[in-house]
Amino acid sequence: MARLDLARWIGERRTRQIQRAARNVRLTVICLFLTLLVLRGTIGAGKFGTPNQDLDDLRHALQSRPRLPHRSLVEESKPLPDHRAADKDNDPPPRDPSDPYSLGPKISNWDSQRSAWLRRHPDRPNFLAPSKPRVLLVTGSSPKPCENPVGDHYLLKSIKNKIDYCRVHGIEIFYNMALLDAEMAGFWAKLPLIRTLLLAHPDVEFLWWMDSDAMFTDMAFELPWDRYSPYNLVLHGWNEMVYDDKNWIGLQHWQFLAPQLPVVA
């Protein structure tokens, strides 16, 4: 009604001009207010209401406020004990290299003990057939992962290859990742392992060691067990280096057959 009265007195055109001017004034005031806020936040406003002064006032207000009792849990930090020093103190003294070393106490009556065990356990004969001895294939690797993931992949393929061969030929398999004797590390770690396994499995006639990186290429190949029965140890090597050059490097221990009695005794 007021708009109609205003248009009647000053005219329709003049009314639109006044309304447009009022909108421009409101927009100008809003822009000016926003500009002042931006300037105050960036360059401040002198000593009245600067951001630094506001921060100082807030800090003083918080410090002057009475501190409430702290109810949250506080993590108590204690220095961790140095286990390396304790382990170093508990380590046995180094062994004299000149002292003789033995894998364990000598067993002089193992043959009779093994025969008695086989009589008490007829369900675990040492021969599955007249020409088929019970064989335990042993392999192993380090408990730590390889530096390259490809190495772990091939180790997995290798153990699957051995498991498939043993399943086809009725051979038991044992995979080892433990170090049984700290004095026998590296390539020598297999010696205490072999002795322990032969003592723990008197029903095994042959222990067949294979390195972790060795694989079977002919899954149908069967070892001539009758040919190896009279020997105490079957080891791969080169005739020229072993017999002609008298070089023990010609013997390869990546794969060998060990019978029961000679190794244990």
C-alpha atoms as a PDB file:
ATOM      1  CA  MET A   1       0.000   0.000   0.000  1.00  0.00           C
ATOM      2  CA  ALA A   2       2.919   2.302   0.869  1.00  0.00           C
ATOM      3  CA  ARG A   3       4.580   1.438  -2.416  1.00  0.00           C
ATOM      4  CA  LEU A   4       1.436   2.363  -4.297  1.00  0.00           C
ATOM      5  CA  ASP A   5       1.205   5.685  -2.393  1.00  0.00           C
ATOM      6  CA  LEU A   6       4.912   6.405  -3.062  1.00  0.00           C
ATOM      7  CA  ALA A   7       4.494   5.686  -6.760  1.00  0.00           C
ATOM      8  CA  ARG A   8       1.436   7.936  -6.839  1.00  0.00           C
ATOM      9  CA  TRP A   9       3.283  10.885  -5.372  1.00  0.00           C
ATOM     10  CA  ILE A  10       6.736  10.653  -7.058  1.00  0.00           C
ATOM     11  CA  GLY A  11       6.025   8.445 -10.011  1.00  0.00           C
ATOM     12  CA  GLU A  12       6.780   4.832 -10.952  1.00  0.00           C
ATOM     13  CA  ARG A  13      10.141   5.558 -12.550  1.00  0.00           C
ATOM     14  CA  ARG A  14      11.422   7.537  -9.589  1.00  0.00           C
ATOM     15  CA  THR A  15      10.369   4.762  -7.238  1.00  0.00           C
ATOM     16  CA  ARG A  16      12.432   2.153  -9.095  1.00  0.00           C
ATOM     17  CA  GLN A  17      15.501   4.414  -8.985  1.00  0.00           C
ATOM     18  CA  ILE A  18      15.185   4.820  -5.209  1.00  0.00           C
ATOM     19  CA  GLN A  19      14.843   1.082  -4.684  1.00  0.00           C
ATOM     20  CA  ARG A  20      17.897   0.392  -6.861  1.00  0.00           C
ATOM     21  CA  ALA A  21      19.934   2.937  -4.916  1.00  0.00           C
ATOM     22  CA  ALA A  22      18.887   1.350  -1.601  1.00  0.00           C
ATOM     23  CA  ARG A  23      20.035  -2.074  -2.772  1.00  0.00           C
ATOM     24  CA  ASN A  24      23.384  -0.650  -3.870  1.00  0.00           C
ATOM     25  CA  VAL A  25      23.869   1.011  -0.498  1.00  0.00           C
ATOM     26  CA  ARG A  26      23.185  -2.226   1.371  1.00  0.00           C
ATOM     27  CA  LEU A  27      25.625  -4.107  -0.874  1.00  0.00           C
ATOM     28  CA  THR A  28      28.262  -1.409  -0.369  1.00  0.00           C
ATOM     29  CA  VAL A  29      27.919  -1.612   3.416  1.00  0.00           C
ATOM     30  CA  ILE A  30      28.291  -5.389   3.372  1.00  0.00           C
ATOM     31  CA  CYS A  31      31.401  -5.201   1.175  1.00  0.00           C
ATOM     32  CA  LEU A  32      32.922  -2.557   3.439  1.00  0.00           C
ATOM     33  CA  PHE A  33      32.324  -4.707   6.503  1.00  0.00           C
ATOM     34  CA  LEU A  34      33.966  -7.737   4.870  1.00  0.00           C
ATOM     35  CA  THR A  35      36.916  -5.589   3.772  1.00  0.00           C
ATOM     36  CA  LEU A  36      37.458  -4.385   7.342  1.00  0.00           C
ATOM     37  CA  LEU A  37      37.400  -7.964   8.622  1.00  0.00           C
ATOM     38  CA  VAL A  38      40.011  -9.048   6.069  1.00  0.00           C
ATOM     39  CA  LEU A  39      42.280  -6.086   6.823  1.00  0.00           C
ATOM     40  CA  ARG A  40      42.040  -6.699  10.557  1.00  0.00           C
ATOM     41  CA  GLY A  41      43.003 -10.336  10.136  1.00  0.00           C
ATOM     42  CA  THR A  42      45.993  -9.610   7.877  1.00  0.00           C
ATOM     43  CA  ILE A  43      47.600  -6.304   8.908  1.00  0.00           C
ATOM     44  CA  GLY A  44      45.752  -5.726  12.201  1.00  0.00           C
ATOM     45  CA  ALA A  45      44.239  -2.570  13.541  1.00  0.00           C
ATOM     46  CA  GLY A  46      47.098  -0.968  15.421  1.00  0.00           C
ATOM     47  CA  LYS A  47      47.122  -1.548  19.138  1.00  0.00           C
ATOM     48  CA  PHE A  48      43.350  -2.031  19.350  1.00  0.00           C
ATOM     49  CA  GLY A  49      42.134  -5.509  18.705  1.00  0.00           C
ATOM     50  CA  THR A  50      45.132  -6.909  16.770  1.00  0.00           C
ATOM     51  CA  PRO A  51      45.404 -10.702  16.377  1.00  0.00           C
ATOM     52  CA  ASN A  52      48.525 -10.746  18.542  1.00  0.00           C
ATOM     53  CA  GLN A  53      46.788  -8.794  21.268  1.00  0.00           C
ATOM     54  CA  ASP A  54      43.776 -11.095  21.089  1.00  0.00           C
ATOM     55  CA  LEU A  55      46.063 -14.101  21.415  1.00  0.00           C
ATOM     56  CA  ASP A  56      47.838 -12.569  24.404  1.00  0.00           C
ATOM     57  CA  ASP A  57      44.547 -11.737  26.092  1.00  0.00           C
ATOM     58  CA  LEU A  58      43.317 -15.275  25.560  1.00  0.00           C
ATOM     59  CA  ARG A  59      46.545 -16.734  26.955  1.00  0.00           C
ATOM     60  CA  HIS A  60      46.364 -14.538  30.068  1.00  0.00           C
ATOM     61  CA  ALA A  61      42.745 -15.460  30.590  1.00  0.00           C
ATOM     62  CA  LEU A  62      43.519 -19.170  30.428  1.00  0.00           C
ATOM     63  CA  GLN A  63      46.471 -18.838  32.801  1.00  0.00           C
ATOM     64  CA  SER A  64      44.469 -16.873  35.349  1.00  0.00           C
ATOM     65  CA  ARG A  65      41.622 -19.395  35.324  1.00  0.00           C
ATOM     66  CA  PRO A  66      41.889 -21.923  38.207  1.00  0.00           C
ATOM     67  CA  ARG A  67      43.268 -25.219  37.019  1.00  0.00           C
ATOM     68  CA  LEU A  68      40.845 -28.113  37.291  1.00  0.00           C
ATOM     69  CA  PRO A  69      42.037 -31.485  38.601  1.00  0.00           C
ATOM     70  CA  HIS A  70      43.469 -33.572  35.789  1.00  0.00           C
ATOM     71  CA  ARG A  71      41.347 -36.688  35.441  1.00  0.00           C
ATOM     72  CA  SER A  72      42.632 -38.150  32.200  1.00  0.00           C
ATOM     73  CA  LEU A  73      45.062 -41.018  32.230  1.00  0.00           C
ATOM     74  CA  VAL A  74      48.686 -40.060  31.933  1.00  0.00           C
ATOM     75  CA  GLU A  75      51.013 -42.448  30.167  1.00  0.00           C
ATOM     76  CA  GLU A  76      53.972 -43.093  32.375  1.00  0.00           C
ATOM     77  CA  SER A  77      57.082 -43.273  30.282  1.00  0.00           C
ATOM     78  CA  LYS A  78      59.916 -45.343  31.628  1.00  0.00           C
ATOM     79  CA  PRO A  79      63.208 -46.011  29.939  1.00  0.00           C
ATOM     80  CA  LEU A  80      63.213 -49.415  28.311  1.00  0.00           C
ATOM     81  CA  PRO A  81      65.684 -51.866  29.785  1.00  0.00           C
ATOM     82  CA  ASP A  82      68.666 -52.620  27.654  1.00  0.00           C
ATOM     83  CA  HIS A  83      68.129 -56.294  26.827  1.00  0.00           C
ATOM     84  CA  ARG A  84      71.261 -56.358  24.735  1.00  0.00           C
ATOM     85  CA  ALA A  85      73.427 -55.762  27.774  1.00  0.00           C
ATOM     86  CA  ALA A  86      71.560 -58.435  29.735  1.00  0.00           C
ATOM     87  CA  ASP A  87      71.852 -60.923  26.885  1.00  0.00           C
ATOM     88  CA  LYS A  88      75.512 -60.125  26.586  1.00  0.00           C
ATOM     89  CA  ASP A  89      76.003 -60.850  30.287  1.00  0.00           C
ATOM     90  CA  ASN A  90      74.067 -64.132  30.033  1.00  0.00           C
ATOM     91  CA  ASP A  91      75.918 -65.359  26.963  1.00  0.00           C
ATOM     92  CA  PRO A  92      78.251 -68.244  27.688  1.00  0.00           C
ATOM     93  CA  PRO A  93      81.939 -67.567  27.306  1.00  0.00           C
ATOM     94  CA  PRO A  94      83.355 -68.258  23.850  1.00  0.00           C
ATOM     95  CA  ARG A  95      84.536 -71.803  23.335  1.00  0.00           C
ATOM     96  CA  ASP A  96      88.185 -72.512  22.755  1.00  0.00           C
ATOM     97  CA  PRO A  97      88.598 -73.550  19.088  1.00  0.00           C
ATOM     98  CA  SER A  98      91.287 -76.026  20.092  1.00  0.00           C
ATOM     99  CA  ASP A  99      88.846 -78.023  22.262  1.00  0.00           C
ATOM    100  CA  PRO A 100      87.345 -81.076  20.555  1.00  0.00           C
ATOM    101  CA  TYR A 101      83.735 -80.721  19.474  1.00  0.00           C
ATOM    102  CA  SER A 102      81.080 -83.417  19.510  1.00  0.00           C
ATOM    103  CA  LEU A 103      77.518 -83.465  18.223  1.00  0.00           C
ATOM    104  CA  GLY A 104      76.439 -85.315  21.353  1.00  0.00           C
ATOM    105  CA  PRO A 105      77.215 -88.292  23.548  1.00  0.00           C
ATOM    106  CA  LYS A 106      78.365 -91.398  21.729  1.00  0.00           C
ATOM    107  CA  ILE A 107      75.779 -94.136  21.342  1.00  0.00           C
ATOM    108  CA  SER A 108      77.488 -97.517  21.250  1.00  0.00           C
ATOM    109  CA  ASN A 109      74.444 -99.795  21.401  1.00  0.00           C
ATOM    110  CA  TRP A 110      72.190 -98.026  18.930  1.00  0.00           C
ATOM    111  CA  ASP A 111      71.837-101.110  16.733  1.00  0.00           C
ATOM    112  CA  SER A 112      70.323-103.175  19.554  1.00  0.00           C
ATOM    113  CA  GLN A 113      68.143-100.300  20.756  1.00  0.00           C
ATOM    114  CA  ARG A 114      66.817 -99.743  17.260  1.00  0.00           C
ATOM    115  CA  SER A 115      66.095-103.439  16.740  1.00  0.00           C
ATOM    116  CA  ALA A 116      64.197-103.563  20.029  1.00  0.00           C
ATOM    117  CA  TRP A 117      62.196-100.481  19.037  1.00  0.00           C
ATOM    118  CA  LEU A 118      61.267-102.009  15.678  1.00  0.00           C
ATOM    119  CA  ARG A 119      60.062-105.172  17.433  1.00  0.00           C
ATOM    120  CA  ARG A 120      57.882-103.138  19.779  1.00  0.00           C
ATOM    121  CA  HIS A 121      56.399-101.151  16.881  1.00  0.00           C
ATOM    122  CA  PRO A 122      55.546-103.556  14.078  1.00  0.00           C
ATOM    123  CA  ASP A 123      53.278-100.908  12.546  1.00  0.00           C
ATOM    124  CA  ARG A 124      56.387 -98.820  11.703  1.00  0.00           C
ATOM    125  CA  PRO A 125      58.710-101.153   9.775  1.00  0.00           C
ATOM    126  CA  ASN A 126      61.963 -99.860   8.372  1.00  0.00           C
ATOM    127  CA  PHE A 127      61.148-101.451   4.991  1.00  0.00           C
ATOM    128  CA  LEU A 128      57.846-100.771   3.245  1.00  0.00           C
ATOM    129  CA  ALA A 129      58.625-103.540   0.732  1.00  0.00           C
ATOM    130  CA  PRO A 130      61.533-105.982   0.246  1.00  0.00           C
ATOM    131  CA  SER A 131      63.352-103.433  -1.934  1.00  0.00           C
ATOM    132  CA  LYS A 132      61.673-100.263  -0.642  1.00  0.00           C
ATOM    133  CA  PRO A 133      63.228 -98.816   2.554  1.00  0.00           C
ATOM    134  CA  ARG A 134      61.519 -96.179   4.637  1.00  0.00           C
ATOM    135  CA  VAL A 135      63.083 -92.845   3.646  1.00  0.00           C
ATOM    136  CA  LEU A 136      62.859 -89.428   5.279  1.00  0.00           C
ATOM    137  CA  LEU A 137      63.599 -86.494   2.972  1.00  0.00           C
ATOM    138  CA  VAL A 138      64.927 -83.523   4.939  1.00  0.00           C
ATOM    139  CA  THR A 139      65.295 -79.960   3.733  1.00  0.00           C
ATOM    140  CA  GLY A 140      65.237 -76.541   5.333  1.00  0.00           C
ATOM    141  CA  SER A 141      65.863 -72.839   5.045  1.00  0.00           C
ATOM    142  CA  SER A 142      66.440 -69.780   7.205  1.00  0.00           C
ATOM    143  CA  PRO A 143      63.490 -68.626   9.339  1.00  0.00           C
ATOM    144  CA  LYS A 144      64.008 -65.064   8.101  1.00  0.00           C
ATOM    145  CA  PRO A 145      62.474 -63.935   4.790  1.00  0.00           C
ATOM    146  CA  CYS A 146      64.673 -63.507   1.758  1.00  0.00           C
ATOM    147  CA  GLU A 147      65.967 -60.065   0.847  1.00  0.00           C
ATOM    148  CA  ASN A 148      64.097 -60.334  -2.451  1.00  0.00           C
ATOM    149  CA  PRO A 149      60.466 -61.534  -2.545  1.00  0.00           C
ATOM    150  CA  VAL A 150      61.383 -63.615  -5.585  1.00  0.00           C
ATOM    151  CA  GLY A 151      63.511 -65.800  -3.312  1.00  0.00           C
ATOM    152  CA  ASP A 152      60.543 -66.616  -1.075  1.00  0.00           C
ATOM    153  CA  HIS A 153      58.507 -67.422  -4.178  1.00  0.00           C
ATOM    154  CA  TYR A 154      61.065 -69.952  -5.413  1.00  0.00           C
ATOM    155  CA  LEU A 155      61.434 -71.465  -1.943  1.00  0.00           C
ATOM    156  CA  LEU A 156      57.697 -72.092  -1.951  1.00  0.00           C
ATOM    157  CA  LYS A 157      57.860 -73.673  -5.406  1.00  0.00           C
ATOM    158  CA  SER A 158      60.798 -75.817  -4.271  1.00  0.00           C
ATOM    159  CA  ILE A 159      59.061 -77.231  -1.196  1.00  0.00           C
ATOM    160  CA  LYS A 160      55.912 -77.932  -3.225  1.00  0.00           C
ATOM    161  CA  ASN A 161      58.079 -79.783  -5.746  1.00  0.00           C
ATOM    162  CA  LYS A 162      59.592 -81.948  -2.993  1.00  0.00           C
ATOM    163  CA  ILE A 163      56.204 -82.610  -1.393  1.00  0.00           C
ATOM    164  CA  ASP A 164      54.787 -83.779  -4.729  1.00  0.00           C
ATOM    165  CA  TYR A 165      57.747 -86.116  -5.319  1.00  0.00           C
ATOM    166  CA  CYS A 166      57.479 -87.595  -1.812  1.00  0.00           C
ATOM    167  CA  ARG A 167      53.746 -88.115  -2.212  1.00  0.00           C
ATOM    168  CA  VAL A 168      54.260 -89.997  -5.486  1.00  0.00           C
ATOM    169  CA  HIS A 169      57.015 -92.271  -4.103  1.00  0.00           C
ATOM    170  CA  GLY A 170      55.781 -92.794  -0.544  1.00  0.00           C
ATOM    171  CA  ILE A 171      58.594 -90.807   1.121  1.00  0.00           C
ATOM    172  CA  GLU A 172      58.183 -88.832   4.332  1.00  0.00           C
ATOM    173  CA  ILE A 173      59.383 -85.228   4.380  1.00  0.00           C
ATOM    174  CA  PHE A 174      60.647 -82.901   7.106  1.00  0.00           C
ATOM    175  CA  TYR A 175      61.157 -79.151   6.634  1.00  0.00           C
ATOM    176  CA  ASN A 176      63.407 -77.443   9.167  1.00  0.00           C
ATOM    177  CA  MET A 177      63.875 -73.745   9.968  1.00  0.00           C
ATOM    178  CA  ALA A 178      65.488 -74.057  13.417  1.00  0.00           C
ATOM    179  CA  LEU A 179      69.136 -73.819  14.458  1.00  0.00           C
ATOM    180  CA  LEU A 180      69.776 -76.676  16.876  1.00  0.00           C
ATOM    181  CA  ASP A 181      73.343 -75.799  17.805  1.00  0.00           C
ATOM    182  CA  ALA A 182      74.813 -72.298  17.889  1.00  0.00           C
ATOM    183  CA  GLU A 183      78.299 -73.728  17.301  1.00  0.00           C
ATOM    184  CA  MET A 184      77.168 -75.331  14.042  1.00  0.00           C
ATOM    185  CA  ALA A 185      75.799 -72.516  11.897  1.00  0.00           C
ATOM    186  CA  GLY A 186      75.628 -72.060   8.161  1.00  0.00           C
ATOM    187  CA  PHE A 187      76.317 -75.172   6.115  1.00  0.00           C
ATOM    188  CA  TRP A 188      77.223 -77.121   9.264  1.00  0.00           C
ATOM    189  CA  ALA A 189      73.739 -76.704  10.750  1.00  0.00           C
ATOM    190  CA  LYS A 190      72.525 -79.823   8.957  1.00  0.00           C
ATOM    191  CA  LEU A 191      74.791 -82.147  10.996  1.00  0.00           C
ATOM    192  CA  PRO A 192      73.065 -81.804  14.411  1.00  0.00           C
ATOM    193  CA  LEU A 193      69.715 -81.814  12.606  1.00  0.00           C
ATOM    194  CA  ILE A 194      70.460 -85.102  10.849  1.00  0.00           C
ATOM    195  CA  ARG A 195      71.653 -86.743  14.063  1.00  0.00           C
ATOM    196  CA  THR A 196      68.562 -85.569  15.954  1.00  0.00           C
ATOM    197  CA  LEU A 197      66.194 -86.819  13.260  1.00  0.00           C
ATOM    198  CA  LEU A 198      67.853 -90.233  13.016  1.00  0.00           C
ATOM    199  CA  LEU A 199      67.605 -90.667  16.785  1.00  0.00           C
ATOM    200  CA  ALA A 200      63.973 -89.536  16.786  1.00  0.00           C
ATOM    201  CA  HIS A 201      63.000 -91.798  13.850  1.00  0.00           C
ATOM    202  CA  PRO A 202      64.503 -95.270  14.365  1.00  0.00           C
ATOM    203  CA  ASP A 203      62.078 -96.610  11.766  1.00  0.00           C
ATOM    204  CA  VAL A 204      63.824 -94.625   9.016  1.00  0.00           C
ATOM    205  CA  GLU A 205      66.366 -96.624   7.033  1.00  0.00           C
ATOM    206  CA  PHE A 206      67.731 -93.739   4.941  1.00  0.00           C
ATOM    207  CA  LEU A 207      67.769 -90.014   5.512  1.00  0.00           C
ATOM    208  CA  TRP A 208      67.803 -88.085   2.253  1.00  0.00           C
ATOM    209  CA  TRP A 209      69.077 -84.538   2.539  1.00  0.00           C
ATOM    210  CA  MET A 210      68.298 -81.965  -0.169  1.00  0.00           C
ATOM    211  CA  ASP A 211      69.089 -78.261  -0.134  1.00  0.00           C
ATOM    212  CA  SER A 212      66.167 -75.861  -0.276  1.00  0.00           C
ATOM    213  CA  ASP A 213      67.097 -74.636  -3.774  1.00  0.00           C
ATOM    214  CA  ALA A 214      67.251 -78.162  -5.282  1.00  0.00           C
ATOM    215  CA  MET A 215      64.291 -79.475  -7.277  1.00  0.00           C
ATOM    216  CA  PHE A 216      63.191 -82.719  -8.902  1.00  0.00           C
ATOM    217  CA  THR A 217      63.030 -82.512 -12.674  1.00  0.00           C
ATOM    218  CA  ASP A 218      61.897 -86.118 -13.213  1.00  0.00           C
ATOM    219  CA  MET A 219      59.002 -86.904 -10.905  1.00  0.00           C
ATOM    220  CA  ALA A 220      58.975 -90.565 -12.006  1.00  0.00           C
ATOM    221  CA  PHE A 221      62.646 -91.208 -11.127  1.00  0.00           C
ATOM    222  CA  GLU A 222      63.189 -93.811  -8.402  1.00  0.00           C
ATOM    223  CA  LEU A 223      66.526 -94.186  -6.631  1.00  0.00           C
ATOM    224  CA  PRO A 224      68.176 -97.627  -6.909  1.00  0.00           C
ATOM    225  CA  TRP A 225      67.962 -98.442  -3.210  1.00  0.00           C
ATOM    226  CA  ASP A 226      69.472-101.920  -3.610  1.00  0.00           C
ATOM    227  CA  ARG A 227      72.573-100.367  -5.121  1.00  0.00           C
ATOM    228  CA  TYR A 228      73.090 -98.006  -2.166  1.00  0.00           C
ATOM    229  CA  SER A 229      72.361-100.474   0.660  1.00  0.00           C
ATOM    230  CA  PRO A 230      75.986-101.603   1.309  1.00  0.00           C
ATOM    231  CA  TYR A 231      77.344 -98.046   1.605  1.00  0.00           C
ATOM    232  CA  ASN A 232      77.546 -95.897   4.708  1.00  0.00           C
ATOM    233  CA  LEU A 233      77.159 -92.579   2.847  1.00  0.00           C
ATOM    234  CA  VAL A 234      76.116 -91.728  -0.696  1.00  0.00           C
ATOM    235  CA  LEU A 235      77.474 -88.360  -1.826  1.00  0.00           C
ATOM    236  CA  HIS A 236      77.662 -86.659  -5.200  1.00  0.00           C
ATOM    237  CA  GLY A 237      81.056 -85.573  -6.523  1.00  0.00           C
ATOM    238  CA  TRP A 238      83.563 -85.541  -9.390  1.00  0.00           C
ATOM    239  CA  ASN A 239      86.053 -88.382  -9.789  1.00  0.00           C
ATOM    240  CA  GLU A 240      88.827 -86.189 -11.183  1.00  0.00           C
ATOM    241  CA  MET A 241      88.814 -83.718  -8.302  1.00  0.00           C
ATOM    242  CA  VAL A 242      88.338 -86.272  -5.519  1.00  0.00           C
ATOM    243  CA  TYR A 243      90.579 -89.174  -6.617  1.00  0.00           C
ATOM    244  CA  ASP A 244      93.053 -87.588  -9.029  1.00  0.00           C
ATOM    245  CA  ASP A 245      93.505 -84.106  -7.546  1.00  0.00           C
ATOM    246  CA  LYS A 246      92.783 -85.225  -3.948  1.00  0.00           C
ATOM    247  CA  ASN A 247      90.568 -82.166  -3.573  1.00  0.00           C
ATOM    248  CA  TRP A 248      87.634 -82.487  -1.191  1.00  0.00           C
ATOM    249  CA  ILE A 249      85.892 -79.565  -2.875  1.00  0.00           C
ATOM    250  CA  GLY A 250      84.879 -82.093  -5.498  1.00  0.00           C
ATOM    251  CA  LEU A 251      82.341 -83.499  -3.024  1.00  0.00           C
ATOM    252  CA  GLN A 252      78.960 -81.781  -3.096  1.00  0.00           C
ATOM    253  CA  HIS A 253      76.725 -81.865  -0.019  1.00  0.00           C
ATOM    254  CA  TRP A 254      73.622 -80.309  -1.546  1.00  0.00           C
ATOM    255  CA  GLN A 255      72.164 -83.814  -1.698  1.00  0.00           C
ATOM    256  CA  PHE A 256      73.226 -87.036   0.014  1.00  0.00           C
ATOM    257  CA  LEU A 257      71.893 -90.241   1.547  1.00  0.00           C
ATOM    258  CA  ALA A 258      72.717 -91.143   5.138  1.00  0.00           C
ATOM    259  CA  PRO A 259      71.804 -94.552   6.607  1.00  0.00           C
ATOM    260  CA  GLN A 260      70.788 -95.023  10.210  1.00  0.00           C
ATOM    261  CA  LEU A 261      73.688 -96.531  12.147  1.00  0.00           C
ATOM    262  CA  PRO A 262      76.935 -94.867  10.978  1.00  0.00           C
ATOM    263  CA  VAL A 263      75.718 -91.306  11.397  1.00  0.00           C
ATOM    264  CA  VAL A 264      74.105 -91.834  14.789  1.00  0.00           C
ATOM    265  CA  ALA A 265      76.988 -93.706  16.327  1.00  0.00           C
END
